[in-house]
Amino acid sequence: MRHTLVLILALILCGDAASGQEWEDRQRFGAADASTTLHILSSTDTALFAPVLAAFVAGRDSVAIEYFVAGTADLNSIFRQSPNAYDVVISSAMDLQFKLANDGFAQPMEMLGYPDWAHWRHTLFGFTSEPAAIVLNRQAFDGRDVPQTRQAVIRVLRESPDQFRGRVGTYDVRQSGLGYLFATQDARTSETYWRLMEVMGNLEVQLYCCSGAMIEDVAAGKILLAYNVLGSYAAAREDLAHQLEIVFPSDFQTIMMRTALISAQTANPEVSREFMRHLLGASTKPVPGSRALLPILELDGDAAGQAMIELSPALLTYLDALKSRGFLAEWVNAMIQ
């Protein structure tokens, strides 16, 4: 009896945790009277992920999905506060996800044949490969060479400061987990990153929470150049293709894997594992009858893994409190001028 009361209380608290939160989006897939509801917490826009979700519930009449969307930093905080309220967690912030798995928030799942570089100890699985991009307003660059490297971007901005003042954008890394991941990985790779940040800071850079907002503003001409935008999100906006130029820098690329984990406190372990197998299968081949909106993960050969940010303890470096404070202080000094 006592066990039953505890279970009921836990379910009530889980419901309150989800219902009291303000979400970027929240949608249900599957029948309203399904006997099992899988709660998925994700940073991925519903429009891009809907084909995978719809395909999963289509063959399972007794299973529904409640899909909750939050920013990467908020997602990490929400899940840490209520790990029993969600079954599966999906995020583009690889470092925050890695720390969740490392801190014991993820349940292991055997996935035979999945390459070692695409998972961490069978608790955290990468399922896309998505490069950061520079997104330009086509009209603003009409008649001029499109910059293909970070140095070329610096040159363009320095040559036309009046045109670009207040009209360049990037992530606010103090608020965006993915933005922080991209920024720290860039800084580790090349000092060019800091020179670019100083130039953008001098031009009264506009700071954003997410790629979608940057893409919209580039298309509308509110900003003319956005740095470190998720290339997959920009490519998915076919309605804006005539207004956007998407550049994957040729000097070096920052490529992240979107990752997923099963909560260690999931109330639906079997269905969660079924969903993960479905997700990881869909990540390497298109969902039948639908157009893939997120890039698939190329599993063949070692080069695929080497081209990406690695799922390794190195991801924890810039999550160290002292290291993080130092990085953010340097970033603010460059950007907030």
C-alpha atoms as a PDB file:
ATOM      1  CA  MET A   1       0.000   0.000   0.000  1.00  0.00           C
ATOM      2  CA  ARG A   2       2.797   2.380   0.942  1.00  0.00           C
ATOM      3  CA  HIS A   3       4.591   1.554  -2.328  1.00  0.00           C
ATOM      4  CA  THR A   4       1.398   2.320  -4.285  1.00  0.00           C
ATOM      5  CA  LEU A   5       1.005   5.706  -2.572  1.00  0.00           C
ATOM      6  CA  VAL A   6       4.621   6.610  -3.324  1.00  0.00           C
ATOM      7  CA  LEU A   7       4.131   5.671  -6.976  1.00  0.00           C
ATOM      8  CA  ILE A   8       0.966   7.765  -7.247  1.00  0.00           C
ATOM      9  CA  LEU A   9       2.715  10.732  -5.644  1.00  0.00           C
ATOM     10  CA  ALA A  10       5.648  10.370  -8.054  1.00  0.00           C
ATOM     11  CA  LEU A  11       3.301  10.353 -11.043  1.00  0.00           C
ATOM     12  CA  ILE A  12       1.530  13.462  -9.763  1.00  0.00           C
ATOM     13  CA  LEU A  13       4.851  15.258  -9.293  1.00  0.00           C
ATOM     14  CA  CYS A  14       5.987  14.227 -12.766  1.00  0.00           C
ATOM     15  CA  GLY A  15       2.815  15.645 -14.261  1.00  0.00           C
ATOM     16  CA  ASP A  16       3.233  18.890 -12.329  1.00  0.00           C
ATOM     17  CA  ALA A  17       6.840  19.231 -13.479  1.00  0.00           C
ATOM     18  CA  ALA A  18       5.770  19.070 -17.115  1.00  0.00           C
ATOM     19  CA  SER A  19       2.540  21.078 -16.884  1.00  0.00           C
ATOM     20  CA  GLY A  20       4.011  23.961 -14.886  1.00  0.00           C
ATOM     21  CA  GLN A  21       6.867  24.549 -17.323  1.00  0.00           C
ATOM     22  CA  GLU A  22       6.706  27.085 -20.147  1.00  0.00           C
ATOM     23  CA  TRP A  23       7.729  25.236 -23.306  1.00  0.00           C
ATOM     24  CA  GLU A  24       8.948  26.437 -26.679  1.00  0.00           C
ATOM     25  CA  ASP A  25       6.592  23.801 -28.030  1.00  0.00           C
ATOM     26  CA  ARG A  26       4.622  20.840 -26.707  1.00  0.00           C
ATOM     27  CA  GLN A  27       2.799  18.326 -28.905  1.00  0.00           C
ATOM     28  CA  ARG A  28       1.260  14.886 -28.591  1.00  0.00           C
ATOM     29  CA  PHE A  29       1.690  12.096 -31.123  1.00  0.00           C
ATOM     30  CA  GLY A  30      -0.593   9.061 -31.015  1.00  0.00           C
ATOM     31  CA  ALA A  31      -3.987   8.243 -29.561  1.00  0.00           C
ATOM     32  CA  ALA A  32      -5.354  10.226 -26.628  1.00  0.00           C
ATOM     33  CA  ASP A  33      -6.332   6.990 -24.858  1.00  0.00           C
ATOM     34  CA  ALA A  34      -2.995   5.179 -25.362  1.00  0.00           C
ATOM     35  CA  SER A  35      -2.092   3.047 -22.354  1.00  0.00           C
ATOM     36  CA  THR A  36       1.562   4.182 -22.391  1.00  0.00           C
ATOM     37  CA  THR A  37       2.779   7.732 -22.928  1.00  0.00           C
ATOM     38  CA  LEU A  38       6.442   8.319 -23.598  1.00  0.00           C
ATOM     39  CA  HIS A  39       7.662  11.716 -22.388  1.00  0.00           C
ATOM     40  CA  ILE A  40      10.450  13.056 -24.616  1.00  0.00           C
ATOM     41  CA  LEU A  41      12.350  16.189 -23.629  1.00  0.00           C
ATOM     42  CA  SER A  42      14.152  17.700 -26.615  1.00  0.00           C
ATOM     43  CA  SER A  43      15.876  20.767 -27.998  1.00  0.00           C
ATOM     44  CA  THR A  44      14.978  19.762 -31.563  1.00  0.00           C
ATOM     45  CA  ASP A  45      12.231  21.773 -33.256  1.00  0.00           C
ATOM     46  CA  THR A  46       9.083  19.679 -33.597  1.00  0.00           C
ATOM     47  CA  ALA A  47       8.772  20.336 -37.327  1.00  0.00           C
ATOM     48  CA  LEU A  48      12.134  18.674 -37.989  1.00  0.00           C
ATOM     49  CA  PHE A  49      11.521  15.714 -35.689  1.00  0.00           C
ATOM     50  CA  ALA A  50       7.835  15.012 -36.338  1.00  0.00           C
ATOM     51  CA  PRO A  51       8.414  12.344 -39.060  1.00  0.00           C
ATOM     52  CA  VAL A  52      10.440  10.192 -36.641  1.00  0.00           C
ATOM     53  CA  LEU A  53       7.853  10.554 -33.866  1.00  0.00           C
ATOM     54  CA  ALA A  54       4.868   9.921 -36.130  1.00  0.00           C
ATOM     55  CA  ALA A  55       6.496   6.822 -37.623  1.00  0.00           C
ATOM     56  CA  PHE A  56       7.109   5.370 -34.149  1.00  0.00           C
ATOM     57  CA  VAL A  57       3.539   5.699 -32.870  1.00  0.00           C
ATOM     58  CA  ALA A  58       2.030   4.669 -36.225  1.00  0.00           C
ATOM     59  CA  GLY A  59       2.869   1.019 -35.582  1.00  0.00           C
ATOM     60  CA  ARG A  60       2.038   1.072 -31.873  1.00  0.00           C
ATOM     61  CA  ASP A  61      -1.612   1.787 -31.078  1.00  0.00           C
ATOM     62  CA  SER A  62      -1.038   1.523 -27.339  1.00  0.00           C
ATOM     63  CA  VAL A  63       1.836   4.056 -27.274  1.00  0.00           C
ATOM     64  CA  ALA A  64       1.691   7.840 -27.495  1.00  0.00           C
ATOM     65  CA  ILE A  65       4.419  10.479 -27.247  1.00  0.00           C
ATOM     66  CA  GLU A  66       4.349  13.774 -25.379  1.00  0.00           C
ATOM     67  CA  TYR A  67       7.072  15.857 -27.006  1.00  0.00           C
ATOM     68  CA  PHE A  68       8.436  18.815 -25.039  1.00  0.00           C
ATOM     69  CA  VAL A  69      10.791  21.370 -26.629  1.00  0.00           C
ATOM     70  CA  ALA A  70      13.150  23.611 -24.657  1.00  0.00           C
ATOM     71  CA  GLY A  71      16.440  25.412 -25.292  1.00  0.00           C
ATOM     72  CA  THR A  72      19.580  23.392 -24.652  1.00  0.00           C
ATOM     73  CA  ALA A  73      20.567  25.118 -21.394  1.00  0.00           C
ATOM     74  CA  ASP A  74      16.994  25.095 -20.062  1.00  0.00           C
ATOM     75  CA  LEU A  75      16.582  21.446 -21.053  1.00  0.00           C
ATOM     76  CA  ASN A  76      19.607  20.440 -19.024  1.00  0.00           C
ATOM     77  CA  SER A  77      18.309  22.279 -15.953  1.00  0.00           C
ATOM     78  CA  ILE A  78      14.745  20.966 -16.327  1.00  0.00           C
ATOM     79  CA  PHE A  79      15.860  17.359 -16.596  1.00  0.00           C
ATOM     80  CA  ARG A  80      18.282  17.558 -13.676  1.00  0.00           C
ATOM     81  CA  GLN A  81      15.472  18.889 -11.486  1.00  0.00           C
ATOM     82  CA  SER A  82      12.925  16.221 -12.548  1.00  0.00           C
ATOM     83  CA  PRO A  83      14.679  13.206 -14.082  1.00  0.00           C
ATOM     84  CA  ASN A  84      11.687  10.964 -13.313  1.00  0.00           C
ATOM     85  CA  ALA A  85       9.345  13.149 -15.385  1.00  0.00           C
ATOM     86  CA  TYR A  86      10.918  12.258 -18.748  1.00  0.00           C
ATOM     87  CA  ASP A  87      11.797   9.012 -20.497  1.00  0.00           C
ATOM     88  CA  VAL A  88      14.119  10.155 -23.291  1.00  0.00           C
ATOM     89  CA  VAL A  89      16.252  13.298 -23.542  1.00  0.00           C
ATOM     90  CA  ILE A  90      17.479  14.643 -26.889  1.00  0.00           C
ATOM     91  CA  SER A  91      19.800  17.617 -27.277  1.00  0.00           C
ATOM     92  CA  SER A  92      22.328  19.235 -29.601  1.00  0.00           C
ATOM     93  CA  ALA A  93      24.483  20.333 -26.621  1.00  0.00           C
ATOM     94  CA  MET A  94      26.821  17.336 -26.597  1.00  0.00           C
ATOM     95  CA  ASP A  95      28.797  18.522 -23.591  1.00  0.00           C
ATOM     96  CA  LEU A  96      25.752  18.961 -21.344  1.00  0.00           C
ATOM     97  CA  GLN A  97      24.389  15.599 -22.475  1.00  0.00           C
ATOM     98  CA  PHE A  98      27.748  13.947 -21.817  1.00  0.00           C
ATOM     99  CA  LYS A  99      27.784  15.354 -18.299  1.00  0.00           C
ATOM    100  CA  LEU A 100      24.253  14.046 -17.696  1.00  0.00           C
ATOM    101  CA  ALA A 101      25.398  10.568 -18.709  1.00  0.00           C
ATOM    102  CA  ASN A 102      28.604  10.903 -16.703  1.00  0.00           C
ATOM    103  CA  ASP A 103      26.625  12.000 -13.620  1.00  0.00           C
ATOM    104  CA  GLY A 104      24.438   8.896 -13.715  1.00  0.00           C
ATOM    105  CA  PHE A 105      21.270  10.349 -15.257  1.00  0.00           C
ATOM    106  CA  ALA A 106      21.270   7.917 -18.208  1.00  0.00           C
ATOM    107  CA  GLN A 107      20.280   4.250 -18.398  1.00  0.00           C
ATOM    108  CA  PRO A 108      22.582   2.002 -20.464  1.00  0.00           C
ATOM    109  CA  MET A 109      21.203   0.233 -23.519  1.00  0.00           C
ATOM    110  CA  GLU A 110      23.015  -2.340 -25.613  1.00  0.00           C
ATOM    111  CA  MET A 111      23.025  -1.390 -29.294  1.00  0.00           C
ATOM    112  CA  LEU A 112      24.889  -4.081 -31.205  1.00  0.00           C
ATOM    113  CA  GLY A 113      26.792  -2.864 -34.238  1.00  0.00           C
ATOM    114  CA  TYR A 114      26.661   0.826 -33.318  1.00  0.00           C
ATOM    115  CA  PRO A 115      30.210   2.217 -33.722  1.00  0.00           C
ATOM    116  CA  ASP A 116      32.177   3.085 -30.603  1.00  0.00           C
ATOM    117  CA  TRP A 117      32.742   6.701 -31.678  1.00  0.00           C
ATOM    118  CA  ALA A 118      28.971   7.329 -31.908  1.00  0.00           C
ATOM    119  CA  HIS A 119      28.123   6.404 -28.310  1.00  0.00           C
ATOM    120  CA  TRP A 120      29.505   6.789 -24.794  1.00  0.00           C
ATOM    121  CA  ARG A 121      29.436   3.573 -22.777  1.00  0.00           C
ATOM    122  CA  HIS A 122      26.056   2.675 -24.287  1.00  0.00           C
ATOM    123  CA  THR A 123      24.376   5.495 -22.327  1.00  0.00           C
ATOM    124  CA  LEU A 124      24.614   8.417 -24.763  1.00  0.00           C
ATOM    125  CA  PHE A 125      24.102   7.961 -28.502  1.00  0.00           C
ATOM    126  CA  GLY A 126      24.846  10.332 -31.372  1.00  0.00           C
ATOM    127  CA  PHE A 127      22.345  10.130 -34.208  1.00  0.00           C
ATOM    128  CA  THR A 128      23.038  13.065 -36.562  1.00  0.00           C
ATOM    129  CA  SER A 129      26.072  14.922 -37.895  1.00  0.00           C
ATOM    130  CA  GLU A 130      25.388  18.649 -38.125  1.00  0.00           C
ATOM    131  CA  PRO A 131      27.961  21.317 -38.978  1.00  0.00           C
ATOM    132  CA  ALA A 132      27.827  24.885 -37.762  1.00  0.00           C
ATOM    133  CA  ALA A 133      27.352  27.302 -40.652  1.00  0.00           C
ATOM    134  CA  ILE A 134      27.672  30.959 -41.559  1.00  0.00           C
ATOM    135  CA  VAL A 135      24.331  32.152 -42.947  1.00  0.00           C
ATOM    136  CA  LEU A 136      24.256  35.235 -45.155  1.00  0.00           C
ATOM    137  CA  ASN A 137      21.543  37.440 -46.596  1.00  0.00           C
ATOM    138  CA  ARG A 138      21.793  36.845 -50.367  1.00  0.00           C
ATOM    139  CA  GLN A 139      20.787  40.373 -51.328  1.00  0.00           C
ATOM    140  CA  ALA A 140      23.444  41.931 -49.074  1.00  0.00           C
ATOM    141  CA  PHE A 141      26.161  39.864 -50.758  1.00  0.00           C
ATOM    142  CA  ASP A 142      24.892  40.277 -54.310  1.00  0.00           C
ATOM    143  CA  GLY A 143      27.824  41.284 -56.511  1.00  0.00           C
ATOM    144  CA  ARG A 144      30.529  40.500 -53.953  1.00  0.00           C
ATOM    145  CA  ASP A 145      32.497  37.378 -53.179  1.00  0.00           C
ATOM    146  CA  VAL A 146      30.840  35.163 -50.598  1.00  0.00           C
ATOM    147  CA  PRO A 147      33.311  34.629 -47.719  1.00  0.00           C
ATOM    148  CA  GLN A 148      34.267  30.968 -47.407  1.00  0.00           C
ATOM    149  CA  THR A 149      36.537  31.201 -44.344  1.00  0.00           C
ATOM    150  CA  ARG A 150      36.525  32.991 -40.999  1.00  0.00           C
ATOM    151  CA  GLN A 151      39.379  35.201 -42.157  1.00  0.00           C
ATOM    152  CA  ALA A 152      37.320  36.189 -45.189  1.00  0.00           C
ATOM    153  CA  VAL A 153      34.379  37.062 -42.913  1.00  0.00           C
ATOM    154  CA  ILE A 154      36.670  39.255 -40.799  1.00  0.00           C
ATOM    155  CA  ARG A 155      37.883  41.012 -43.949  1.00  0.00           C
ATOM    156  CA  VAL A 156      34.331  41.671 -45.214  1.00  0.00           C
ATOM    157  CA  LEU A 157      33.216  43.079 -41.862  1.00  0.00           C
ATOM    158  CA  ARG A 158      36.278  45.315 -41.536  1.00  0.00           C
ATOM    159  CA  GLU A 159      35.905  46.641 -45.072  1.00  0.00           C
ATOM    160  CA  SER A 160      32.218  47.611 -44.647  1.00  0.00           C
ATOM    161  CA  PRO A 161      31.638  48.486 -40.971  1.00  0.00           C
ATOM    162  CA  ASP A 162      28.770  50.893 -41.682  1.00  0.00           C
ATOM    163  CA  GLN A 163      26.853  48.263 -43.631  1.00  0.00           C
ATOM    164  CA  PHE A 164      27.237  45.585 -40.947  1.00  0.00           C
ATOM    165  CA  ARG A 165      27.014  47.645 -37.761  1.00  0.00           C
ATOM    166  CA  GLY A 166      24.226  46.152 -35.640  1.00  0.00           C
ATOM    167  CA  ARG A 167      23.503  43.622 -38.404  1.00  0.00           C
ATOM    168  CA  VAL A 168      25.649  40.620 -37.508  1.00  0.00           C
ATOM    169  CA  GLY A 169      24.496  37.911 -35.129  1.00  0.00           C
ATOM    170  CA  THR A 170      25.561  34.832 -33.216  1.00  0.00           C
ATOM    171  CA  TYR A 171      24.571  32.810 -30.158  1.00  0.00           C
ATOM    172  CA  ASP A 172      24.546  34.330 -26.708  1.00  0.00           C
ATOM    173  CA  VAL A 173      26.754  31.644 -25.204  1.00  0.00           C
ATOM    174  CA  ARG A 174      25.699  32.680 -21.697  1.00  0.00           C
ATOM    175  CA  GLN A 175      22.191  31.376 -22.453  1.00  0.00           C
ATOM    176  CA  SER A 176      22.585  28.742 -25.177  1.00  0.00           C
ATOM    177  CA  GLY A 177      24.142  25.376 -24.395  1.00  0.00           C
ATOM    178  CA  LEU A 178      24.716  24.648 -28.086  1.00  0.00           C
ATOM    179  CA  GLY A 179      26.148  28.129 -28.630  1.00  0.00           C
ATOM    180  CA  TYR A 180      28.581  27.555 -25.768  1.00  0.00           C
ATOM    181  CA  LEU A 181      29.598  24.169 -27.208  1.00  0.00           C
ATOM    182  CA  PHE A 182      30.251  25.641 -30.665  1.00  0.00           C
ATOM    183  CA  ALA A 183      32.159  28.598 -29.214  1.00  0.00           C
ATOM    184  CA  THR A 184      34.444  26.537 -26.984  1.00  0.00           C
ATOM    185  CA  GLN A 185      35.173  24.057 -29.775  1.00  0.00           C
ATOM    186  CA  ASP A 186      35.989  26.927 -32.169  1.00  0.00           C
ATOM    187  CA  ALA A 187      38.289  28.538 -29.612  1.00  0.00           C
ATOM    188  CA  ARG A 188      40.131  25.250 -29.079  1.00  0.00           C
ATOM    189  CA  THR A 189      40.671  24.862 -32.812  1.00  0.00           C
ATOM    190  CA  SER A 190      41.880  28.314 -33.863  1.00  0.00           C
ATOM    191  CA  GLU A 191      42.706  31.771 -32.514  1.00  0.00           C
ATOM    192  CA  THR A 192      40.806  33.168 -35.487  1.00  0.00           C
ATOM    193  CA  TYR A 193      37.650  32.679 -33.440  1.00  0.00           C
ATOM    194  CA  TRP A 194      38.643  35.369 -30.935  1.00  0.00           C
ATOM    195  CA  ARG A 195      39.620  37.845 -33.658  1.00  0.00           C
ATOM    196  CA  LEU A 196      36.228  37.293 -35.297  1.00  0.00           C
ATOM    197  CA  MET A 197      34.416  37.788 -31.988  1.00  0.00           C
ATOM    198  CA  GLU A 198      36.248  41.076 -31.392  1.00  0.00           C
ATOM    199  CA  VAL A 199      35.324  42.327 -34.863  1.00  0.00           C
ATOM    200  CA  MET A 200      31.681  41.341 -34.355  1.00  0.00           C
ATOM    201  CA  GLY A 201      31.696  42.934 -30.904  1.00  0.00           C
ATOM    202  CA  ASN A 202      32.984  46.204 -32.378  1.00  0.00           C
ATOM    203  CA  LEU A 203      30.042  46.102 -34.800  1.00  0.00           C
ATOM    204  CA  GLU A 204      27.412  45.871 -32.037  1.00  0.00           C
ATOM    205  CA  VAL A 205      26.695  42.186 -32.574  1.00  0.00           C
ATOM    206  CA  GLN A 206      23.139  40.949 -31.991  1.00  0.00           C
ATOM    207  CA  LEU A 207      22.971  37.964 -29.625  1.00  0.00           C
ATOM    208  CA  TYR A 208      20.465  35.124 -29.987  1.00  0.00           C
ATOM    209  CA  CYS A 209      19.092  32.169 -28.073  1.00  0.00           C
ATOM    210  CA  CYS A 210      18.749  29.848 -31.017  1.00  0.00           C
ATOM    211  CA  SER A 211      19.423  29.161 -34.675  1.00  0.00           C
ATOM    212  CA  GLY A 212      15.807  29.572 -35.778  1.00  0.00           C
ATOM    213  CA  ALA A 213      15.661  33.208 -34.679  1.00  0.00           C
ATOM    214  CA  MET A 214      18.946  34.003 -36.437  1.00  0.00           C
ATOM    215  CA  ILE A 215      17.779  32.377 -39.658  1.00  0.00           C
ATOM    216  CA  GLU A 216      14.512  34.330 -39.622  1.00  0.00           C
ATOM    217  CA  ASP A 217      16.331  37.635 -39.065  1.00  0.00           C
ATOM    218  CA  VAL A 218      18.889  36.976 -41.809  1.00  0.00           C
ATOM    219  CA  ALA A 219      16.091  36.213 -44.260  1.00  0.00           C
ATOM    220  CA  ALA A 220      14.227  39.376 -43.233  1.00  0.00           C
ATOM    221  CA  GLY A 221      17.378  41.512 -43.565  1.00  0.00           C
ATOM    222  CA  LYS A 222      17.399  42.499 -39.888  1.00  0.00           C
ATOM    223  CA  ILE A 223      20.896  41.042 -39.768  1.00  0.00           C
ATOM    224  CA  LEU A 224      23.033  40.274 -42.806  1.00  0.00           C
ATOM    225  CA  LEU A 225      25.330  37.612 -41.401  1.00  0.00           C
ATOM    226  CA  ALA A 226      24.890  35.012 -38.649  1.00  0.00           C
ATOM    227  CA  TYR A 227      27.787  32.963 -37.299  1.00  0.00           C
ATOM    228  CA  ASN A 228      27.647  29.377 -35.975  1.00  0.00           C
ATOM    229  CA  VAL A 229      24.078  28.716 -37.059  1.00  0.00           C
ATOM    230  CA  LEU A 230      22.967  25.078 -37.196  1.00  0.00           C
ATOM    231  CA  GLY A 231      23.348  24.284 -40.879  1.00  0.00           C
ATOM    232  CA  SER A 232      20.609  21.638 -40.742  1.00  0.00           C
ATOM    233  CA  TYR A 233      18.056  24.188 -39.545  1.00  0.00           C
ATOM    234  CA  ALA A 234      19.004  26.644 -42.282  1.00  0.00           C
ATOM    235  CA  ALA A 235      18.883  23.954 -44.978  1.00  0.00           C
ATOM    236  CA  ALA A 236      15.450  22.822 -43.771  1.00  0.00           C
ATOM    237  CA  ARG A 237      13.993  26.293 -44.425  1.00  0.00           C
ATOM    238  CA  GLU A 238      13.277  25.735 -48.101  1.00  0.00           C
ATOM    239  CA  ASP A 239      10.744  28.561 -47.938  1.00  0.00           C
ATOM    240  CA  LEU A 240      13.643  30.958 -47.294  1.00  0.00           C
ATOM    241  CA  ALA A 241      16.204  29.395 -49.657  1.00  0.00           C
ATOM    242  CA  HIS A 242      16.092  32.315 -52.105  1.00  0.00           C
ATOM    243  CA  GLN A 243      17.015  34.721 -49.287  1.00  0.00           C
ATOM    244  CA  LEU A 244      19.742  32.694 -47.581  1.00  0.00           C
ATOM    245  CA  GLU A 245      23.292  31.732 -48.501  1.00  0.00           C
ATOM    246  CA  ILE A 246      24.598  28.886 -46.333  1.00  0.00           C
ATOM    247  CA  VAL A 247      28.386  28.638 -45.982  1.00  0.00           C
ATOM    248  CA  PHE A 248      30.252  25.770 -44.343  1.00  0.00           C
ATOM    249  CA  PRO A 249      33.657  27.336 -43.665  1.00  0.00           C
ATOM    250  CA  SER A 250      36.495  25.768 -45.628  1.00  0.00           C
ATOM    251  CA  ASP A 251      39.186  26.587 -43.047  1.00  0.00           C
ATOM    252  CA  PHE A 252      37.669  24.188 -40.516  1.00  0.00           C
ATOM    253  CA  GLN A 253      34.215  22.923 -39.634  1.00  0.00           C
ATOM    254  CA  THR A 254      32.644  22.434 -36.229  1.00  0.00           C
ATOM    255  CA  ILE A 255      30.389  19.389 -36.493  1.00  0.00           C
ATOM    256  CA  MET A 256      28.272  18.194 -33.615  1.00  0.00           C
ATOM    257  CA  MET A 257      26.254  15.032 -33.118  1.00  0.00           C
ATOM    258  CA  ARG A 258      22.727  15.448 -31.808  1.00  0.00           C
ATOM    259  CA  THR A 259      22.528  12.968 -28.938  1.00  0.00           C
ATOM    260  CA  ALA A 260      19.881  11.005 -27.077  1.00  0.00           C
ATOM    261  CA  LEU A 261      19.745   9.172 -23.760  1.00  0.00           C
ATOM    262  CA  ILE A 262      17.208   7.182 -21.761  1.00  0.00           C
ATOM    263  CA  SER A 263      16.541   8.567 -18.295  1.00  0.00           C
ATOM    264  CA  ALA A 264      17.878   6.366 -15.504  1.00  0.00           C
ATOM    265  CA  GLN A 265      14.535   6.994 -13.773  1.00  0.00           C
ATOM    266  CA  THR A 266      12.247   6.312 -16.727  1.00  0.00           C
ATOM    267  CA  ALA A 267       8.895   4.771 -15.849  1.00  0.00           C
ATOM    268  CA  ASN A 268       8.812   3.089 -19.285  1.00  0.00           C
ATOM    269  CA  PRO A 269      12.178   1.390 -19.835  1.00  0.00           C
ATOM    270  CA  GLU A 270      11.038  -1.126 -22.473  1.00  0.00           C
ATOM    271  CA  VAL A 271       9.186   1.421 -24.634  1.00  0.00           C
ATOM    272  CA  SER A 272      12.058   3.881 -24.200  1.00  0.00           C
ATOM    273  CA  ARG A 273      14.485   1.290 -25.550  1.00  0.00           C
ATOM    274  CA  GLU A 274      12.120   0.580 -28.444  1.00  0.00           C
ATOM    275  CA  PHE A 275      12.058   4.284 -29.252  1.00  0.00           C
ATOM    276  CA  MET A 276      15.847   4.560 -29.078  1.00  0.00           C
ATOM    277  CA  ARG A 277      16.263   1.636 -31.456  1.00  0.00           C
ATOM    278  CA  HIS A 278      13.753   3.303 -33.771  1.00  0.00           C
ATOM    279  CA  LEU A 279      15.559   6.651 -33.503  1.00  0.00           C
ATOM    280  CA  LEU A 280      19.026   5.238 -34.098  1.00  0.00           C
ATOM    281  CA  GLY A 281      17.732   3.228 -37.028  1.00  0.00           C
ATOM    282  CA  ALA A 282      16.077   6.309 -38.518  1.00  0.00           C
ATOM    283  CA  SER A 283      19.328   8.237 -38.044  1.00  0.00           C
ATOM    284  CA  THR A 284      21.114   6.045 -40.574  1.00  0.00           C
ATOM    285  CA  LYS A 285      18.325   5.773 -43.140  1.00  0.00           C
ATOM    286  CA  PRO A 286      15.291   7.919 -43.996  1.00  0.00           C
ATOM    287  CA  VAL A 287      11.955   7.198 -42.350  1.00  0.00           C
ATOM    288  CA  PRO A 288       9.816   5.406 -44.973  1.00  0.00           C
ATOM    289  CA  GLY A 289       7.362   7.727 -46.680  1.00  0.00           C
ATOM    290  CA  SER A 290       8.900  10.919 -45.291  1.00  0.00           C
ATOM    291  CA  ARG A 291      11.605  13.392 -46.206  1.00  0.00           C
ATOM    292  CA  ALA A 292      14.522  13.403 -43.782  1.00  0.00           C
ATOM    293  CA  LEU A 293      14.869  16.905 -42.338  1.00  0.00           C
ATOM    294  CA  LEU A 294      17.857  16.187 -40.091  1.00  0.00           C
ATOM    295  CA  PRO A 295      21.153  14.917 -41.553  1.00  0.00           C
ATOM    296  CA  ILE A 296      21.686  11.201 -41.107  1.00  0.00           C
ATOM    297  CA  LEU A 297      24.745   9.893 -39.263  1.00  0.00           C
ATOM    298  CA  GLU A 298      27.270   8.297 -41.613  1.00  0.00           C
ATOM    299  CA  LEU A 299      28.329   5.155 -39.746  1.00  0.00           C
ATOM    300  CA  ASP A 300      30.735   3.708 -42.328  1.00  0.00           C
ATOM    301  CA  GLY A 301      34.451   4.219 -41.740  1.00  0.00           C
ATOM    302  CA  ASP A 302      36.477   5.925 -39.036  1.00  0.00           C
ATOM    303  CA  ALA A 303      36.629   9.262 -40.843  1.00  0.00           C
ATOM    304  CA  ALA A 304      32.984   9.957 -40.038  1.00  0.00           C
ATOM    305  CA  GLY A 305      33.736   9.964 -36.337  1.00  0.00           C
ATOM    306  CA  GLN A 306      36.998  11.874 -36.625  1.00  0.00           C
ATOM    307  CA  ALA A 307      35.337  14.784 -38.456  1.00  0.00           C
ATOM    308  CA  MET A 308      33.007  15.494 -35.533  1.00  0.00           C
ATOM    309  CA  ILE A 309      33.231  16.736 -31.981  1.00  0.00           C
ATOM    310  CA  GLU A 310      34.102  13.548 -30.130  1.00  0.00           C
ATOM    311  CA  LEU A 311      31.944  11.913 -27.492  1.00  0.00           C
ATOM    312  CA  SER A 312      34.724  11.825 -24.922  1.00  0.00           C
ATOM    313  CA  PRO A 313      35.592  13.238 -21.479  1.00  0.00           C
ATOM    314  CA  ALA A 314      37.206  16.207 -23.279  1.00  0.00           C
ATOM    315  CA  LEU A 315      33.657  17.583 -23.547  1.00  0.00           C
ATOM    316  CA  LEU A 316      33.724  18.209 -19.802  1.00  0.00           C
ATOM    317  CA  THR A 317      36.704  20.597 -20.014  1.00  0.00           C
ATOM    318  CA  TYR A 318      34.727  23.799 -20.477  1.00  0.00           C
ATOM    319  CA  LEU A 319      31.992  22.692 -18.070  1.00  0.00           C
ATOM    320  CA  ASP A 320      34.489  22.977 -15.228  1.00  0.00           C
ATOM    321  CA  ALA A 321      33.383  25.999 -13.175  1.00  0.00           C
ATOM    322  CA  LEU A 322      36.762  27.772 -13.238  1.00  0.00           C
ATOM    323  CA  LYS A 323      37.327  27.093 -16.930  1.00  0.00           C
ATOM    324  CA  SER A 324      33.785  28.211 -17.762  1.00  0.00           C
ATOM    325  CA  ARG A 325      34.111  31.469 -15.837  1.00  0.00           C
ATOM    326  CA  GLY A 326      37.371  32.248 -17.604  1.00  0.00           C
ATOM    327  CA  PHE A 327      35.964  31.506 -21.049  1.00  0.00           C
ATOM    328  CA  LEU A 328      32.796  33.537 -20.483  1.00  0.00           C
ATOM    329  CA  ALA A 329      34.786  36.496 -19.127  1.00  0.00           C
ATOM    330  CA  GLU A 330      36.947  36.491 -22.258  1.00  0.00           C
ATOM    331  CA  TRP A 331      33.878  36.129 -24.475  1.00  0.00           C
ATOM    332  CA  VAL A 332      32.078  39.037 -22.765  1.00  0.00           C
ATOM    333  CA  ASN A 333      35.215  41.175 -23.050  1.00  0.00           C
ATOM    334  CA  ALA A 334      35.314  40.531 -26.808  1.00  0.00           C
ATOM    335  CA  MET A 335      31.590  40.793 -27.543  1.00  0.00           C
ATOM    336  CA  ILE A 336      30.078  43.319 -25.137  1.00  0.00           C
ATOM    337  CA  GLN A 337      31.784  46.566 -26.098  1.00  0.00           C
END
